[in-house]
Amino acid sequence: MKIGFLIYGSLDILSGGYMYDRKLVESLRSQGDTVEIISLPWRNYAAHLTDNITFKLPRNFDILVQDELNHPSLIGANRGGHSCPIISLVHHLRCSELRPHWQNVFYRAIERKYLQNVDGFIFNSRTTKSVVDGLLVHMKPSIVAYPPTDRLGEVISMEAIHKRSRQNPFRILFLGNVIERKGLHTLLDAVSRLPAVFKLDIVGSLTTEPKYAKHMQDRVLASGLSSFVKFHFSLDHEQLKTILRAAHVLVVPSSYEGFGIVYLEGMAFGLPAIGTTAGAAGEIISHETDGFLIEPGDSDSLADRLRVLNEKRKVLLHMSLAARERYNRQPKWHQTAGQIREFLRSF
């Protein structure tokens, strides 16, 4: 197949969605398909809407895959007849994110117009599929294809998980770009209530939302937490593995996740995961078995959960082993990528 793959910016952007796109492109190419990246420039939402005046779809492909993130730029281009089938790869809808209601009413209308004019969908979770199905009455073909979660390989033994559960200090890991949606502020509120017997490692880009990231750094200093909290920025694989092996729990209390690759990546290291009830984290985390689900912004409950894991190390060990088992049940990426390819070939 000759496939066009349409994104904003570069596949090298560090985020779960872009990792999915990157791994899918690699998998398709490894199977002999020709995949050409079509990149539109990153701008603000209003500027992306102006792309509808000038941007036209290329016509030399067997199929065109569009990351749904690009929806504001593609409404005009997708309208009318297509020279090839258009498949939307939906990580999550913008209108699902936490923001003032009137803004999401606007985004919902724009996204609905985009979704109406594609020929099929690749969803990263059942939650994302459900949201789209609730927004758009359709009979379009689709597939739920979970993201790659095995990029770090087999990285920790059962013996190491047992040993780590007895070690001090209690180590908490936040892994994700430091943006408001990921909820670092909720985690900092929670750890400020804990005894000073913990370490919090924050691993992720500080440049995606620099004002928010600077506010979080200032907050750590103002709260007297700088001895217990460390910002690591983005790390290479080996450095990241070292921090994951040392951690006891992964906490990313996002206001919304379309899937949450990071929770399963932590579970590969036997880390119980703490996410929220908003979005698809509940497809991964079984509450009180391999992690916890809290309401978005509920720092009191988060502090309670962290206190339990720190003070009751048998509970921590039980949940750590359950987290590792949950990771082992997840389909491997080569299986998922093969299903996506067969789906694309069906058009």
Foldseek 3Di string as FASTA:
>chain_A
DEEEEEDEDDLPDDDQVSQQVVVLVVLCVVVPYHYDYDYDYDDDLVVLLCLLVPDADDQPGQEYEYALVSQSNCLNNLPDDHNHAYEYEYFAQPLLFDDDNVVSVVSLVSSQSSVVRGQEYEAQDPLRVVVVVVSDPDDHYYYHFHGAQQPLDQQDDLVLLVVLLPDWDAEEEEEEAQDVQQQVVLVVLLCLPPDPTYAYEYEEACPPPVVSSVVVVVVCVVSVNPVRYDYDYHDDSVVVSVSLSNHLAYEGAGSEGQACSPLLNSLSNLHQYEYEPHHHVVVQHDDLQQHHYHHRSCSVVVNVRSVCCRVPSVSSSRNSVRSNVSSVPDDHNSVSSVVVVVVSVVD
